[in-house]
Amino acid sequence: MSGLAGVQEQSPAYRRLSDRLPTRTLAWNVYGRGIESVGRNGAPESVEVGSPHEDQLLVRVDAVGLCFSDVKLVRLGSDHPKLYGRDLSREPTRLGHETAVTVVAVGAQLADRFRPGQRLAIQPDIYVGGRSTAYGYTIPGGLIGYHLIGPEVLDADDGAYVVPVDDRLGFAETALTEPWACVEAAYTQRRRLVPAVGGRTWVIGQAEDAREYRFGDTLAGAREIVVSELRDEVISGIRAGAPGALITVAEIEQTEGPFDDVILLGPRSAHVVSRAADALAFRGVLNLVGKEPLDGPVDLDIGRIHYHYTAYVGSTGPDVANSYGEARNRADLLPGGVALFVGAAGPMGQMHLERALRLPNGPARFIGVDLDPHRLEAAKARLGPIAAANDRELLMAVTGENGESLEALVARETGGRGADDVVVTAPSAAAVTEASHVMAPDGMLVLFAGLPVGTRAPLDLSPVFLRGAQYTGTSGSRILDQELVVEKTLLGQLSPGRALAAVGGIEAAADGLQAMIDGRFPGKIVIFPQLRGLPLTSLEDLAVGDQELAGALGDGGTWTSEAEAVLYARYAAPTDES
């Protein structure tokens, strides 16, 4: 069976791949918690290459980017939320959700949609019946030479969760469109910004508050409304605007969620706001309407902001409806503003910064901070030329024990106003709290830290209703986000390969996971499942004493498809695996 017919001339790397399909391949299955449970005895295992059923594709995996989300699954094992209690010792999964593949064989039912030789990027954020069944988690992922994909990927809620690509993108570049899609998604409006239709609402007030709030038809679509500590005339106003809703009165401490919407009128108690926030449903919206600040920071489950898309909106009122809508609640970076990136030297921090630097109508000034001076220097070398080419002012600085405090740095660079946008990619609740303190009163904080649900941190929500401040975040991406990244890459507006710091063959996957835990490389790690005998190696070390590879890398030693072709010429796997 030939899976490569007609595609070997598309890319230099293809010319080093056999056109014969092996009968066995290597795989890194996950059997439990910890690195020692990835693979067998610290190595990949040999498995059979299957033949596709009529509703399946057999794909060759060309490149897999490693992600810190993989480390989370390794640490949690069967307790990972996307495994739904699965016993990995009996039903293993496989990591690798940032995956580039080539179609090798096509089942009869799919012959009108796919063809051998077609290249695809897999979009891992898959939903079936509204339930997350992510590739690389629930569905075994790409750390394998060849594998079958069927309806679980190709016929889910949004159809086929794949993005076609062509020879203009290299293998690694294609795999890295997935993390880049997550970056793009962080600046799209994923929150619900209007009251839910058919939802459950909780309105909380203060008995001594004599202010006249106006609801209008804000709650007209509510199914049920629970009210606490409200004057009779306020309840009457709610009833008039929502005649079809069931309205009940309850004490705050006796009320149980979840609620699609929570509205707090004249809030003063941070404790009450914290309790109300905990009562929010998935994609719930909390609306704060008041003129006076809260009595302190609010203890929030910040993991829910980017995993559950909980939204915190507000206004000074008295019209409750003023808080809602995209006009008051932005999602993208402020044009002409000052943007701060916390954890800027990490792989995702660099991607966020590069995207921002290339925005045609983006911020004017950029501050990237990190705790590691060596990683920061490497990031500066990569991002500095992009800033210069786009006439952007970029400051990269070390904070913490090795540098000045974040508060002092931002105060000096912004004249005490604070950053208009604060993007946090450091996976630390303390980092999120510290970053919130240097945000401008009407600024936006973007959580991209991968902090699990249940992670709590104190945040000041008073600026949300007094000045229109934003706390936002996303998790994963959608097919449209990944398609946009592919389009931007082909137009020269993004360079996914610039994020690459180290590469390895199939045997190097476990070492790559450990390297992420150790923070060994200042950028992304990509594993090539078709390469054998290539240890995990930084791009710098690849080029040392190797004129061919050094000449194939791009400016500043960045990754290119030409460098990929050199590695394939040297390390392409034998036809059969054993």
Protein backbone atom coordinates (compact mmCIF):
# COMPACT_ATOMS: atom_id res chain seq x y z
CA MET A 1 0.00 0.00 0.00
CA SER A 2 1.42 3.42 -0.91
CA GLY A 3 0.29 6.39 1.14
CA LEU A 4 2.75 8.94 -0.23
CA ALA A 5 2.07 8.72 -3.95
CA GLY A 6 1.94 12.12 -5.56
CA VAL A 7 3.17 14.08 -2.53
CA GLN A 8 6.90 13.41 -2.37
CA GLU A 9 7.71 16.43 -4.51
CA GLN A 10 5.69 18.81 -2.34
CA SER A 11 8.31 19.36 0.34
CA PRO A 12 12.00 18.49 0.76
CA ALA A 13 11.21 16.45 3.86
CA TYR A 14 8.88 14.14 1.92
CA ARG A 15 11.72 12.98 -0.32
CA ARG A 16 13.30 11.18 2.62
CA LEU A 17 10.21 9.14 3.50
CA SER A 18 9.68 5.67 2.13
CA ASP A 19 6.59 5.17 0.00
CA ARG A 20 6.05 1.79 1.63
CA LEU A 21 3.76 1.57 4.62
CA PRO A 22 5.32 -0.16 7.66
CA THR A 23 3.47 -2.90 9.46
CA ARG A 24 4.52 -1.65 12.92
CA THR A 25 5.18 1.74 14.47
CA LEU A 26 6.31 3.27 17.78
CA ALA A 27 3.85 4.80 20.27
CA TRP A 28 3.98 6.57 23.63
CA ASN A 29 0.83 5.43 25.42
CA VAL A 30 0.00 6.78 28.89
CA TYR A 31 -0.83 4.17 31.54
CA GLY A 32 -1.14 6.28 34.67
CA ARG A 33 0.30 9.13 36.67
CA GLY A 34 3.91 10.33 36.29
CA ILE A 35 6.55 10.31 33.53
CA GLU A 36 7.33 6.68 34.38
CA SER A 37 3.80 5.77 33.20
CA VAL A 38 4.38 7.21 29.72
CA GLY A 39 5.50 4.41 27.41
CA ARG A 40 6.96 1.14 28.66
CA ASN A 41 10.10 1.21 30.80
CA GLY A 42 10.98 4.70 29.61
CA ALA A 43 10.67 3.89 25.92
CA PRO A 44 7.99 3.88 23.23
CA GLU A 45 6.36 0.55 22.47
CA SER A 46 5.99 -1.14 19.12
CA VAL A 47 2.38 -1.46 17.95
CA GLU A 48 0.70 -2.64 14.77
CA VAL A 49 -0.27 -0.20 12.03
CA GLY A 50 -3.97 -0.78 11.45
CA SER A 51 -6.05 -0.64 8.29
CA PRO A 52 -8.87 1.90 8.14
CA HIS A 53 -12.51 0.90 8.32
CA GLU A 54 -14.85 2.56 5.84
CA ASP A 55 -15.34 5.60 8.13
CA GLN A 56 -11.67 6.00 9.10
CA LEU A 57 -8.43 7.49 7.86
CA LEU A 58 -4.98 6.05 8.41
CA VAL A 59 -2.65 8.98 8.98
CA ARG A 60 1.09 9.31 9.28
CA VAL A 61 2.06 11.65 12.13
CA ASP A 62 4.67 14.11 10.89
CA ALA A 63 5.20 16.42 13.88
CA VAL A 64 3.89 16.86 17.42
CA GLY A 65 4.39 19.94 19.56
CA LEU A 66 4.66 19.32 23.29
CA CYS A 67 2.59 21.51 25.58
CA PHE A 68 2.49 22.16 29.31
CA SER A 69 -1.07 20.81 29.17
CA ASP A 70 0.55 17.44 28.44
CA VAL A 71 2.46 17.74 31.71
CA LYS A 72 -0.81 18.40 33.52
CA LEU A 73 -2.21 15.10 32.22
CA VAL A 74 1.00 13.28 33.19
CA ARG A 75 0.75 14.69 36.71
CA LEU A 76 -2.95 13.95 37.16
CA GLY A 77 -3.25 10.67 35.28
CA SER A 78 -6.79 9.30 35.49
CA ASP A 79 -7.83 12.32 37.60
CA HIS A 80 -7.45 14.69 34.63
CA PRO A 81 -10.91 16.23 34.01
CA LYS A 82 -10.90 15.36 30.31
CA LEU A 83 -10.45 11.65 31.10
CA TYR A 84 -13.70 11.45 33.11
CA GLY A 85 -12.35 8.94 35.64
CA ARG A 86 -10.93 6.55 33.03
CA ASP A 87 -8.65 3.80 34.33
CA LEU A 88 -5.53 4.39 32.27
CA SER A 89 -3.94 1.14 33.38
CA ARG A 90 -6.67 -0.71 31.46
CA GLU A 91 -7.60 1.91 28.84
CA PRO A 92 -4.52 4.04 28.12
CA THR A 93 -4.57 7.28 26.23
CA ARG A 94 -1.81 9.03 24.30
CA LEU A 95 -0.47 12.57 24.45
CA GLY A 96 0.11 14.83 21.47
CA HIS A 97 -2.62 17.34 20.66
CA GLU A 98 -0.47 19.75 18.60
CA THR A 99 -0.29 17.45 15.61
CA ALA A 100 0.48 17.56 11.89
CA VAL A 101 -0.47 14.49 9.87
CA THR A 102 -0.56 13.18 6.32
CA VAL A 103 -3.39 10.96 5.08
CA VAL A 104 -2.07 7.55 4.04
CA ALA A 105 -5.22 5.54 3.39
CA VAL A 106 -8.90 6.49 3.15
CA GLY A 107 -11.96 4.45 4.11
CA ALA A 108 -14.63 4.06 1.43
CA GLN A 109 -17.12 6.40 3.12
CA LEU A 110 -14.56 9.22 3.22
CA ALA A 111 -13.22 8.95 -0.31
CA ASP A 112 -15.12 12.04 -1.46
CA ARG A 113 -13.68 14.17 1.38
CA PHE A 114 -10.08 13.03 1.80
CA ARG A 115 -7.28 11.63 -0.36
CA PRO A 116 -3.96 9.92 0.24
CA GLY A 117 -1.17 12.47 0.53
CA GLN A 118 -3.44 15.19 1.93
CA ARG A 119 -1.86 17.10 4.79
CA LEU A 120 -3.90 18.10 7.85
CA ALA A 121 -3.52 19.91 11.14
CA ILE A 122 -5.73 18.42 13.84
CA GLN A 123 -7.90 20.76 15.91
CA PRO A 124 -7.94 19.01 19.31
CA ASP A 125 -10.73 20.89 21.09
CA ILE A 126 -13.37 18.37 19.98
CA TYR A 127 -16.94 18.25 21.26
CA VAL A 128 -19.44 15.42 20.88
CA GLY A 129 -22.97 16.17 22.07
CA GLY A 130 -21.62 19.28 23.79
CA ARG A 131 -19.12 17.24 25.82
CA SER A 132 -15.38 17.80 25.49
CA THR A 133 -13.66 14.76 23.97
CA ALA A 134 -10.31 16.36 23.25
CA TYR A 135 -7.71 14.77 20.98
CA GLY A 136 -4.59 13.96 22.97
CA TYR A 137 -6.71 13.45 26.10
CA THR A 138 -10.02 11.58 25.76
CA ILE A 139 -9.03 10.56 22.22
CA PRO A 140 -5.47 9.15 22.02
CA GLY A 141 -3.22 11.71 20.36
CA GLY A 142 -0.28 12.04 18.02
CA LEU A 143 2.79 10.64 19.82
CA ILE A 144 2.80 7.65 17.46
CA GLY A 145 4.11 7.04 13.95
CA TYR A 146 0.80 6.08 12.34
CA HIS A 147 -2.73 5.85 13.67
CA LEU A 148 -6.39 5.64 12.74
CA ILE A 149 -8.86 8.49 13.13
CA GLY A 150 -12.58 8.14 12.55
CA PRO A 151 -15.91 9.71 13.52
CA GLU A 152 -14.54 10.74 16.94
CA VAL A 153 -12.46 13.36 15.03
CA LEU A 154 -14.13 13.57 11.62
CA ASP A 155 -17.84 13.63 12.53
CA ALA A 156 -18.19 15.50 15.83
CA ASP A 157 -20.33 18.53 16.75
CA ASP A 158 -18.58 20.89 14.31
CA GLY A 159 -17.97 18.30 11.62
CA ALA A 160 -14.37 17.28 10.93
CA TYR A 161 -11.92 18.74 13.43
CA VAL A 162 -9.08 19.02 10.93
CA VAL A 163 -7.60 21.92 8.99
CA PRO A 164 -6.17 21.22 5.50
CA VAL A 165 -2.70 22.64 4.84
CA ASP A 166 -0.34 22.43 1.90
CA ASP A 167 3.37 22.25 1.14
CA ARG A 168 3.95 25.91 1.99
CA LEU A 169 3.92 24.93 5.67
CA GLY A 170 6.51 22.59 7.11
CA PHE A 171 5.65 19.75 9.47
CA ALA A 172 6.66 21.54 12.68
CA GLU A 173 5.09 24.77 11.50
CA THR A 174 1.81 22.94 10.87
CA ALA A 175 1.82 21.36 14.33
CA LEU A 176 2.46 24.73 15.93
CA THR A 177 -0.64 26.27 14.33
CA GLU A 178 -2.57 24.67 17.22
CA PRO A 179 -0.92 26.55 20.12
CA TRP A 180 -0.99 29.65 17.96
CA ALA A 181 -4.74 29.14 17.50
CA CYS A 182 -5.08 29.12 21.30
CA VAL A 183 -3.28 32.46 21.38
CA GLU A 184 -5.62 33.90 18.76
CA ALA A 185 -8.62 32.54 20.66
CA ALA A 186 -7.52 34.38 23.81
CA TYR A 187 -8.52 37.65 22.13
CA THR A 188 -11.88 36.56 20.79
CA GLN A 189 -15.06 37.10 22.74
CA ARG A 190 -15.78 33.68 24.23
CA ARG A 191 -17.74 35.02 27.20
CA ARG A 192 -21.50 35.43 27.20
CA LEU A 193 -22.18 39.15 27.58
CA VAL A 194 -25.98 39.27 27.73
CA PRO A 195 -28.42 37.66 30.19
CA ALA A 196 -29.26 34.06 29.36
CA VAL A 197 -32.59 33.25 27.76
CA GLY A 198 -34.37 30.57 29.75
CA GLY A 199 -31.76 30.85 32.48
CA ARG A 200 -31.70 31.06 36.24
CA THR A 201 -30.88 34.46 37.75
CA TRP A 202 -29.95 35.67 41.22
CA VAL A 203 -30.36 39.35 42.10
CA ILE A 204 -28.69 40.49 45.34
CA GLY A 205 -29.09 43.90 46.91
CA GLN A 206 -28.89 45.64 50.27
CA ALA A 207 -31.99 46.40 52.28
CA GLU A 208 -30.72 49.88 53.18
CA ASP A 209 -29.90 50.79 49.56
CA ALA A 210 -32.47 53.42 48.48
CA ARG A 211 -31.15 53.86 44.95
CA GLU A 212 -33.66 53.41 42.12
CA TYR A 213 -32.28 50.76 39.77
CA ARG A 214 -33.77 50.33 36.33
CA PHE A 215 -34.08 46.83 34.89
CA GLY A 216 -36.29 47.43 31.87
CA ASP A 217 -36.52 44.15 29.97
CA THR A 218 -33.02 42.98 30.98
CA LEU A 219 -34.39 39.83 32.60
CA ALA A 220 -37.29 39.29 30.19
CA GLY A 221 -35.85 35.95 29.06
CA ALA A 222 -35.20 34.54 32.54
CA ARG A 223 -36.93 31.33 33.57
CA GLU A 224 -36.40 31.75 37.31
CA ILE A 225 -35.27 34.72 39.41
CA VAL A 226 -34.15 34.44 43.03
CA VAL A 227 -33.97 37.75 44.90
CA SER A 228 -32.09 38.50 48.14
CA GLU A 229 -32.02 41.64 50.31
CA LEU A 230 -34.11 43.69 47.87
CA ARG A 231 -36.69 46.38 48.65
CA ASP A 232 -40.25 45.66 47.49
CA GLU A 233 -40.16 48.39 44.84
CA VAL A 234 -37.02 46.85 43.28
CA ILE A 235 -38.69 43.45 43.19
CA SER A 236 -41.73 45.05 41.57
CA GLY A 237 -39.51 46.52 38.87
CA ILE A 238 -37.97 43.11 38.20
CA ARG A 239 -41.41 41.50 38.07
CA ALA A 240 -42.69 44.08 35.60
CA GLY A 241 -39.80 43.43 33.21
CA ALA A 242 -39.92 39.63 33.51
CA PRO A 243 -43.62 38.71 33.75
CA GLY A 244 -43.03 35.10 32.74
CA ALA A 245 -40.36 34.30 35.35
CA LEU A 246 -40.83 32.46 38.60
CA ILE A 247 -39.64 34.88 41.33
CA THR A 248 -38.73 33.69 44.81
CA VAL A 249 -37.22 35.44 47.83
CA ALA A 250 -34.31 33.79 49.70
CA GLU A 251 -31.56 34.63 52.18
CA ILE A 252 -28.09 35.01 50.68
CA GLU A 253 -26.47 32.30 52.79
CA GLN A 254 -29.31 29.88 52.09
CA THR A 255 -29.26 30.25 48.31
CA GLU A 256 -27.70 27.52 46.17
CA GLY A 257 -26.40 27.80 42.61
CA PRO A 258 -25.72 27.33 39.87
CA PHE A 259 -27.03 30.54 38.33
CA ASP A 260 -26.62 31.59 34.72
CA ASP A 261 -26.67 35.23 35.80
CA VAL A 262 -25.98 36.98 39.08
CA ILE A 263 -26.67 40.69 39.51
CA LEU A 264 -25.40 42.58 42.56
CA LEU A 265 -26.94 46.00 43.25
CA GLY A 266 -24.85 48.44 45.25
CA PRO A 267 -22.33 45.75 46.27
CA ARG A 268 -20.02 46.57 49.17
CA SER A 269 -19.08 43.19 50.66
CA ALA A 270 -16.25 41.30 48.93
CA HIS A 271 -17.38 38.18 50.80
CA VAL A 272 -20.86 38.36 49.28
CA VAL A 273 -19.41 38.92 45.81
CA SER A 274 -17.12 35.89 46.28
CA ARG A 275 -20.08 33.72 47.27
CA ALA A 276 -22.08 34.97 44.30
CA ALA A 277 -19.19 34.24 41.93
CA ASP A 278 -18.95 30.67 43.24
CA ALA A 279 -22.63 30.22 42.41
CA LEU A 280 -22.11 30.96 38.70
CA ALA A 281 -22.83 28.23 36.16
CA PHE A 282 -20.51 27.39 33.26
CA ARG A 283 -20.31 30.56 31.13
CA GLY A 284 -22.14 32.40 33.88
CA VAL A 285 -22.17 36.21 34.03
CA LEU A 286 -21.83 38.26 37.21
CA ASN A 287 -23.00 41.88 36.88
CA LEU A 288 -21.90 44.42 39.49
CA VAL A 289 -23.89 47.68 39.53
CA GLY A 290 -22.70 50.27 42.02
CA LYS A 291 -21.03 53.60 42.74
CA GLU A 292 -18.87 52.76 45.77
CA PRO A 293 -15.88 50.38 45.88
CA LEU A 294 -16.02 47.02 47.61
CA ASP A 295 -14.55 46.65 51.09
CA GLY A 296 -11.63 44.61 49.79
CA PRO A 297 -10.42 42.16 47.13
CA VAL A 298 -12.68 39.29 46.13
CA ASP A 299 -11.60 35.69 46.66
CA LEU A 300 -12.21 34.19 43.20
CA ASP A 301 -11.78 30.81 41.56
CA ILE A 302 -9.60 32.20 38.78
CA GLY A 303 -9.34 28.84 37.04
CA ARG A 304 -13.00 29.22 36.10
CA ILE A 305 -12.30 32.45 34.21
CA HIS A 306 -10.48 30.64 31.45
CA TYR A 307 -11.87 27.11 31.74
CA HIS A 308 -15.52 27.94 32.49
CA TYR A 309 -15.56 31.37 30.74
CA THR A 310 -17.18 33.05 33.72
CA ALA A 311 -17.62 36.75 33.00
CA TYR A 312 -17.45 39.72 35.37
CA VAL A 313 -19.16 42.82 34.00
CA GLY A 314 -20.43 45.97 35.61
CA SER A 315 -21.34 49.65 35.51
CA THR A 316 -22.15 52.47 37.88
CA GLY A 317 -25.84 52.17 36.95
CA PRO A 318 -28.59 52.85 37.69
CA ASP A 319 -29.51 51.07 34.41
CA VAL A 320 -28.65 47.41 34.96
CA ALA A 321 -28.43 46.85 31.20
CA ASN A 322 -25.47 49.24 30.84
CA SER A 323 -23.03 46.56 31.96
CA TYR A 324 -23.67 44.17 29.10
CA GLY A 325 -22.48 43.94 25.50
CA GLU A 326 -19.20 44.06 23.63
CA ALA A 327 -19.02 47.87 23.53
CA ARG A 328 -18.21 47.93 27.25
CA ASN A 329 -16.47 44.57 27.42
CA ARG A 330 -13.59 44.35 24.95
CA ALA A 331 -11.58 41.22 24.21
CA ASP A 332 -8.58 42.40 22.15
CA LEU A 333 -5.62 44.56 23.09
CA LEU A 334 -6.11 48.32 23.30
CA PRO A 335 -4.91 50.19 20.20
CA GLY A 336 -2.15 52.62 21.11
CA GLY A 337 -1.97 51.36 24.68
CA VAL A 338 0.66 49.78 26.91
CA ALA A 339 0.61 45.97 27.02
CA LEU A 340 2.35 43.93 29.72
CA PHE A 341 3.19 40.24 29.28
CA VAL A 342 3.96 38.26 32.44
CA GLY A 343 5.91 35.09 31.69
CA ALA A 344 7.05 36.58 28.39
CA ALA A 345 10.07 34.29 27.96
CA GLY A 346 8.05 31.07 27.95
CA PRO A 347 6.85 29.53 24.68
CA MET A 348 3.29 30.84 24.98
CA GLY A 349 4.42 34.21 26.31
CA GLN A 350 6.56 34.68 23.22
CA MET A 351 3.63 33.79 20.98
CA HIS A 352 1.35 36.30 22.69
CA LEU A 353 4.02 38.98 22.33
CA GLU A 354 4.69 38.21 18.67
CA ARG A 355 0.99 38.36 17.83
CA ALA A 356 0.66 41.68 19.62
CA LEU A 357 3.77 43.15 17.99
CA ARG A 358 2.40 42.30 14.56
CA LEU A 359 -1.11 43.73 15.10
CA PRO A 360 -1.71 46.52 12.57
CA ASN A 361 -3.70 48.55 15.09
CA GLY A 362 -2.29 47.15 18.31
CA PRO A 363 -0.62 48.61 21.40
CA ALA A 364 2.15 51.16 20.99
CA ARG A 365 4.36 50.00 23.84
CA PHE A 366 5.17 46.51 25.07
CA ILE A 367 6.67 45.27 28.33
CA GLY A 368 7.70 41.63 28.61
CA VAL A 369 8.77 40.34 32.02
CA ASP A 370 10.08 37.00 33.25
CA LEU A 371 11.89 35.62 36.28
CA ASP A 372 14.59 33.81 34.26
CA PRO A 373 17.26 36.13 32.79
CA HIS A 374 18.66 33.52 30.40
CA ARG A 375 15.27 32.66 28.92
CA LEU A 376 14.47 36.35 28.69
CA GLU A 377 17.62 37.07 26.67
CA ALA A 378 16.71 34.30 24.24
CA ALA A 379 13.19 35.68 23.89
CA LYS A 380 14.53 39.18 23.37
CA ALA A 381 16.77 37.96 20.55
CA ARG A 382 13.76 36.40 18.82
CA LEU A 383 11.26 39.19 19.38
CA GLY A 384 13.47 42.24 19.07
CA PRO A 385 13.67 42.10 15.25
CA ILE A 386 9.87 41.73 15.02
CA ALA A 387 9.39 44.81 17.21
CA ALA A 388 11.85 46.80 15.08
CA ALA A 389 10.25 45.68 11.82
CA ASN A 390 6.84 46.80 13.06
CA ASP A 391 8.07 50.04 14.67
CA ARG A 392 7.03 48.94 18.14
CA GLU A 393 8.65 49.89 21.43
CA LEU A 394 9.60 46.70 23.30
CA LEU A 395 11.10 46.49 26.78
CA MET A 396 12.12 43.06 28.10
CA ALA A 397 12.98 42.99 31.79
CA VAL A 398 13.69 40.55 34.60
CA THR A 399 11.51 40.94 37.69
CA GLY A 400 11.45 39.25 41.06
CA GLU A 401 14.57 38.21 42.97
CA ASN A 402 16.82 38.79 39.95
CA GLY A 403 15.42 42.22 39.08
CA GLU A 404 13.18 45.02 40.27
CA SER A 405 9.62 44.53 41.40
CA LEU A 406 6.88 44.33 38.79
CA GLU A 407 5.02 47.16 40.51
CA ALA A 408 8.02 49.51 40.38
CA LEU A 409 8.78 48.65 36.76
CA VAL A 410 5.24 49.22 35.48
CA ALA A 411 4.78 52.38 37.56
CA ARG A 412 7.94 53.87 36.06
CA GLU A 413 7.11 52.89 32.48
CA THR A 414 3.49 54.07 32.61
CA GLY A 415 3.81 57.16 34.79
CA GLY A 416 1.90 55.40 37.55
CA ARG A 417 -1.21 54.71 35.44
CA GLY A 418 -0.62 50.98 34.98
CA ALA A 419 -0.77 48.78 31.90
CA ASP A 420 -3.82 48.96 29.65
CA ASP A 421 -3.54 45.21 29.02
CA VAL A 422 -1.94 42.57 31.22
CA VAL A 423 -1.46 39.09 29.72
CA VAL A 424 -0.48 36.40 32.24
CA THR A 425 1.04 33.18 30.92
CA ALA A 426 2.87 32.28 34.15
CA PRO A 427 1.02 29.37 35.83
CA SER A 428 0.86 30.91 39.28
CA ALA A 429 -2.05 32.34 41.25
CA ALA A 430 0.40 34.73 42.93
CA ALA A 431 1.52 35.96 39.50
CA VAL A 432 -2.10 36.66 38.54
CA THR A 433 -2.71 38.66 41.72
CA GLU A 434 0.52 40.61 41.36
CA ALA A 435 -0.25 41.35 37.71
CA SER A 436 -3.73 42.60 38.59
CA HIS A 437 -2.17 45.23 40.87
CA VAL A 438 -0.33 46.86 37.95
CA MET A 439 -3.33 47.02 35.62
CA ALA A 440 -4.77 50.41 34.73
CA PRO A 441 -8.18 51.13 36.34
CA ASP A 442 -9.92 50.55 32.99
CA GLY A 443 -7.50 47.86 31.82
CA MET A 444 -7.91 44.23 30.80
CA LEU A 445 -6.27 41.18 32.34
CA VAL A 446 -6.02 38.09 30.13
CA LEU A 447 -5.53 34.77 31.92
CA PHE A 448 -3.58 32.28 29.82
CA ALA A 449 -1.88 30.43 32.63
CA GLY A 450 -3.48 26.99 32.59
CA LEU A 451 -4.42 27.27 36.25
CA PRO A 452 -6.88 24.49 37.14
CA VAL A 453 -10.42 25.10 38.29
CA GLY A 454 -10.28 25.45 42.07
CA THR A 455 -7.28 27.82 42.01
CA ARG A 456 -8.25 30.83 44.10
CA ALA A 457 -6.76 34.31 44.19
CA PRO A 458 -7.78 37.73 45.54
CA LEU A 459 -8.76 40.16 42.77
CA ASP A 460 -10.06 43.70 43.03
CA LEU A 461 -13.39 43.76 41.20
CA SER A 462 -14.28 47.36 42.07
CA PRO A 463 -12.69 48.72 38.84
CA VAL A 464 -14.95 46.37 36.86
CA PHE A 465 -18.04 48.43 37.67
CA LEU A 466 -16.40 51.76 38.48
CA ARG A 467 -14.09 51.98 35.42
CA GLY A 468 -14.94 49.14 33.05
CA ALA A 469 -11.94 46.89 33.84
CA GLN A 470 -11.92 43.39 32.35
CA TYR A 471 -10.88 39.96 33.62
CA THR A 472 -10.97 37.51 30.76
CA GLY A 473 -9.46 34.24 29.62
CA THR A 474 -9.92 31.29 27.31
CA SER A 475 -8.96 27.65 27.04
CA GLY A 476 -8.22 25.88 23.79
CA SER A 477 -9.31 27.10 20.38
CA ARG A 478 -11.78 26.49 17.59
CA ILE A 479 -11.39 25.37 14.00
CA LEU A 480 -11.87 28.96 12.81
CA ASP A 481 -9.01 30.10 15.07
CA GLN A 482 -6.65 27.53 13.59
CA GLU A 483 -7.74 28.32 10.05
CA LEU A 484 -6.99 31.98 10.78
CA VAL A 485 -3.50 31.10 11.98
CA VAL A 486 -2.84 29.10 8.80
CA GLU A 487 -4.04 32.06 6.72
CA LYS A 488 -1.91 34.55 8.66
CA THR A 489 1.14 32.31 8.32
CA LEU A 490 0.74 32.04 4.56
CA LEU A 491 0.35 35.82 4.37
CA GLY A 492 3.55 36.31 6.34
CA GLN A 493 1.73 37.83 9.32
CA LEU A 494 2.78 35.07 11.73
CA SER A 495 5.80 32.78 11.96
CA PRO A 496 4.87 29.71 14.05
CA GLY A 497 8.32 28.21 13.57
CA ARG A 498 9.98 31.08 15.42
CA ALA A 499 8.65 29.65 18.68
CA LEU A 500 10.55 26.39 18.21
CA ALA A 501 13.51 25.86 20.56
CA ALA A 502 14.23 22.13 20.51
CA VAL A 503 13.47 19.03 18.44
CA GLY A 504 13.72 15.28 18.80
CA GLY A 505 12.79 12.00 17.18
CA ILE A 506 10.12 9.62 18.44
CA GLU A 507 12.32 8.18 21.19
CA ALA A 508 12.85 11.65 22.69
CA ALA A 509 9.22 12.32 23.72
CA ALA A 510 9.62 11.45 27.41
CA ASP A 511 12.78 13.54 27.61
CA GLY A 512 10.80 16.39 26.03
CA LEU A 513 8.11 16.15 28.67
CA GLN A 514 10.72 16.23 31.43
CA ALA A 515 12.41 19.21 29.74
CA MET A 516 9.15 21.16 29.93
CA ILE A 517 8.83 20.36 33.63
CA ASP A 518 12.42 21.52 34.16
CA GLY A 519 12.05 24.63 31.96
CA ARG A 520 15.10 23.55 29.97
CA PHE A 521 14.33 25.38 26.72
CA PRO A 522 13.11 28.95 26.05
CA GLY A 523 10.53 27.89 23.48
CA LYS A 524 8.48 25.06 22.03
CA ILE A 525 9.60 21.44 21.73
CA VAL A 526 8.57 19.46 18.64
CA ILE A 527 8.82 15.69 18.29
CA PHE A 528 9.04 14.13 14.81
CA PRO A 529 7.52 10.63 15.02
CA GLN A 530 9.03 9.65 11.66
CA LEU A 531 12.60 10.32 12.85
CA ARG A 532 14.66 7.73 14.72
CA GLY A 533 17.82 8.23 16.77
CA LEU A 534 17.52 12.03 17.06
CA PRO A 535 17.87 12.96 20.74
CA LEU A 536 16.16 15.99 22.19
CA THR A 537 18.39 18.84 21.00
CA SER A 538 18.19 22.63 21.06
CA LEU A 539 18.40 24.44 17.74
CA GLU A 540 21.63 26.06 18.90
CA ASP A 541 23.24 22.70 19.60
CA LEU A 542 21.97 21.26 16.31
CA ALA A 543 23.96 23.86 14.40
CA VAL A 544 27.20 23.61 16.40
CA GLY A 545 29.90 22.31 14.07
CA ASP A 546 27.32 21.43 11.42
CA GLN A 547 27.55 23.74 8.45
CA GLU A 548 24.64 22.15 6.62
CA LEU A 549 22.20 22.59 9.50
CA ALA A 550 23.55 26.00 10.46
CA GLY A 551 23.03 27.17 6.90
CA ALA A 552 19.51 25.76 6.79
CA LEU A 553 18.31 27.63 9.89
CA GLY A 554 16.82 31.10 9.48
CA ASP A 555 17.96 34.47 10.78
CA GLY A 556 18.95 34.26 14.42
CA GLY A 557 19.01 30.46 14.27
CA THR A 558 15.25 30.11 13.85
CA TRP A 559 13.50 27.02 12.52
CA THR A 560 12.83 26.52 8.80
CA SER A 561 11.43 23.83 6.52
CA GLU A 562 14.92 23.53 5.04
CA ALA A 563 16.32 22.53 8.44
CA GLU A 564 13.47 20.04 8.74
CA ALA A 565 14.49 18.49 5.41
CA VAL A 566 18.08 18.07 6.62
CA LEU A 567 16.90 16.16 9.69
CA TYR A 568 14.63 13.96 7.59
CA ALA A 569 17.55 13.16 5.30
CA ARG A 570 19.55 11.92 8.28
CA TYR A 571 17.03 10.40 10.66
CA ALA A 572 14.02 9.17 8.68
CA ALA A 573 12.66 5.95 10.19
CA PRO A 574 13.25 2.59 8.50
CA THR A 575 10.36 1.16 6.53
CA ASP A 576 9.44 -1.36 9.24
CA GLU A 577 9.40 -0.84 13.00
CA SER A 578 10.02 -3.60 15.48
